Structures are given as C-alpha cells and as structure tokens.
C-alpha cells in the first residue's frame, strides 16, 4: 500500500500515518490510488480516500473487507 501511494504521489516514501492530502494527493491522485488498490486487493476504498487519507486507514479498510469476505465463506 505504501508503494502504491508513494508512486502515485511521486514520493520516495510514504509513512503509514502520513496524510496523503498533505503530501499532495488531489482528486486525480485519489482516483489513481483507488484504482490501484482495487486492482491489487479487490477492495473499493473510494468512500474513505478523503475521509481519513492515510495508508493505515486504507489498509484497515482492505483488511476489514477480507475479514467480512471470510465470514461469508
């Protein structure tokens, strides 16, 4: 997840608690991150990308989705 965000934001690194908006994420960058996260993890994070825009928050959404999917298996 950090590599996706760093790549989109053209940064060497992005920390787990860095605010992606403060690092320069705009709506175009947000769409790119959402698209890449969905392609990599199969989870749509569009509803949270601007609410709490950190790598930790995105990971929590992806992990929460995986837990819900496993409970329905």
C-alpha atoms as a PDB file:
ATOM      1  CA  UNK A   1       0.000   0.000   0.000  1.00  0.00           C
ATOM      2  CA  UNK A   2       2.804   2.412   0.831  1.00  0.00           C
ATOM      3  CA  UNK A   3       4.434   1.759  -2.531  1.00  0.00           C
ATOM      4  CA  UNK A   4       1.173   2.471  -4.385  1.00  0.00           C
ATOM      5  CA  UNK A   5       0.730   5.773  -2.577  1.00  0.00           C
ATOM      6  CA  UNK A   6       4.383   6.768  -2.931  1.00  0.00           C
ATOM      7  CA  UNK A   7       4.333   6.006  -6.644  1.00  0.00           C
ATOM      8  CA  UNK A   8       1.142   7.971  -7.316  1.00  0.00           C
ATOM      9  CA  UNK A   9       2.319  10.922  -5.220  1.00  0.00           C
ATOM     10  CA  UNK A  10       5.793  10.799  -6.766  1.00  0.00           C
ATOM     11  CA  UNK A  11       7.460  10.419  -3.365  1.00  0.00           C
ATOM     12  CA  UNK A  12      10.397   8.251  -2.344  1.00  0.00           C
ATOM     13  CA  UNK A  13       8.433   7.004   0.657  1.00  0.00           C
ATOM     14  CA  UNK A  14       5.086   7.428   2.334  1.00  0.00           C
ATOM     15  CA  UNK A  15       4.714   6.563   6.005  1.00  0.00           C
ATOM     16  CA  UNK A  16       1.747   4.642   7.357  1.00  0.00           C
ATOM     17  CA  UNK A  17       0.363   7.684   9.195  1.00  0.00           C
ATOM     18  CA  UNK A  18       1.224  10.364   6.632  1.00  0.00           C
ATOM     19  CA  UNK A  19      -1.776  12.368   5.451  1.00  0.00           C
ATOM     20  CA  UNK A  20      -1.990  11.749   1.716  1.00  0.00           C
ATOM     21  CA  UNK A  21      -3.701  15.088   1.074  1.00  0.00           C
ATOM     22  CA  UNK A  22      -0.915  16.923   2.883  1.00  0.00           C
ATOM     23  CA  UNK A  23       1.566  15.034   0.682  1.00  0.00           C
ATOM     24  CA  UNK A  24      -0.138  16.402  -2.426  1.00  0.00           C
ATOM     25  CA  UNK A  25      -2.932  13.954  -3.249  1.00  0.00           C
ATOM     26  CA  UNK A  26      -5.583  15.647  -5.338  1.00  0.00           C
ATOM     27  CA  UNK A  27      -8.710  14.167  -6.923  1.00  0.00           C
ATOM     28  CA  UNK A  28      -6.746  12.750  -9.862  1.00  0.00           C
ATOM     29  CA  UNK A  29      -4.258  11.110  -7.493  1.00  0.00           C
ATOM     30  CA  UNK A  30      -7.086   9.787  -5.360  1.00  0.00           C
ATOM     31  CA  UNK A  31      -8.692   8.123  -8.386  1.00  0.00           C
ATOM     32  CA  UNK A  32      -5.350   6.553  -9.287  1.00  0.00           C
ATOM     33  CA  UNK A  33      -4.819   5.240  -5.744  1.00  0.00           C
ATOM     34  CA  UNK A  34      -8.379   3.875  -5.592  1.00  0.00           C
ATOM     35  CA  UNK A  35      -7.908   2.176  -8.967  1.00  0.00           C
ATOM     36  CA  UNK A  36      -4.584   0.617  -7.984  1.00  0.00           C
ATOM     37  CA  UNK A  37      -5.831  -0.547  -4.583  1.00  0.00           C
ATOM     38  CA  UNK A  38      -8.865  -2.155  -6.199  1.00  0.00           C
ATOM     39  CA  UNK A  39      -6.663  -3.877  -8.797  1.00  0.00           C
ATOM     40  CA  UNK A  40      -4.197  -5.112  -6.176  1.00  0.00           C
ATOM     41  CA  UNK A  41      -6.577  -6.084  -3.371  1.00  0.00           C
ATOM     42  CA  UNK A  42     -10.027  -6.243  -4.918  1.00  0.00           C
ATOM     43  CA  UNK A  43     -11.386  -3.681  -2.460  1.00  0.00           C
ATOM     44  CA  UNK A  44     -13.022  -0.358  -3.288  1.00  0.00           C
ATOM     45  CA  UNK A  45     -11.693   2.391  -0.989  1.00  0.00           C
ATOM     46  CA  UNK A  46     -13.354   5.321  -2.734  1.00  0.00           C
ATOM     47  CA  UNK A  47     -15.604   6.037   0.266  1.00  0.00           C
ATOM     48  CA  UNK A  48     -12.647   6.560   2.625  1.00  0.00           C
ATOM     49  CA  UNK A  49      -9.906   8.014   0.441  1.00  0.00           C
ATOM     50  CA  UNK A  50     -10.642  11.587   1.562  1.00  0.00           C
ATOM     51  CA  UNK A  51     -12.196  10.832   4.991  1.00  0.00           C
ATOM     52  CA  UNK A  52      -9.005   9.584   6.622  1.00  0.00           C
ATOM     53  CA  UNK A  53      -6.393   9.578   3.894  1.00  0.00           C
ATOM     54  CA  UNK A  54      -3.561   7.556   5.424  1.00  0.00           C
ATOM     55  CA  UNK A  55      -2.010   4.251   4.429  1.00  0.00           C
ATOM     56  CA  UNK A  56      -3.059   2.779   7.789  1.00  0.00           C
ATOM     57  CA  UNK A  57      -6.710   3.699   7.139  1.00  0.00           C
ATOM     58  CA  UNK A  58      -6.648   2.245   3.641  1.00  0.00           C
ATOM     59  CA  UNK A  59      -5.070  -0.950   4.989  1.00  0.00           C
ATOM     60  CA  UNK A  60      -7.736  -1.179   7.691  1.00  0.00           C
ATOM     61  CA  UNK A  61     -10.468  -0.955   5.054  1.00  0.00           C
ATOM     62  CA  UNK A  62      -8.798  -3.639   2.928  1.00  0.00           C
ATOM     63  CA  UNK A  63      -8.256  -5.897   5.948  1.00  0.00           C
ATOM     64  CA  UNK A  64     -11.817  -5.299   7.164  1.00  0.00           C
ATOM     65  CA  UNK A  65     -13.132  -6.313   3.771  1.00  0.00           C
ATOM     66  CA  UNK A  66     -11.078  -9.505   3.858  1.00  0.00           C
ATOM     67  CA  UNK A  67     -12.483 -10.383   7.288  1.00  0.00           C
ATOM     68  CA  UNK A  68     -16.064  -9.813   6.058  1.00  0.00           C
ATOM     69  CA  UNK A  69     -15.408 -11.938   2.959  1.00  0.00           C
ATOM     70  CA  UNK A  70     -14.037 -14.800   5.061  1.00  0.00           C
ATOM     71  CA  UNK A  71     -17.059 -14.728   7.376  1.00  0.00           C
ATOM     72  CA  UNK A  72     -19.358 -15.209   4.368  1.00  0.00           C
ATOM     73  CA  UNK A  73     -17.396 -18.167   3.001  1.00  0.00           C
END
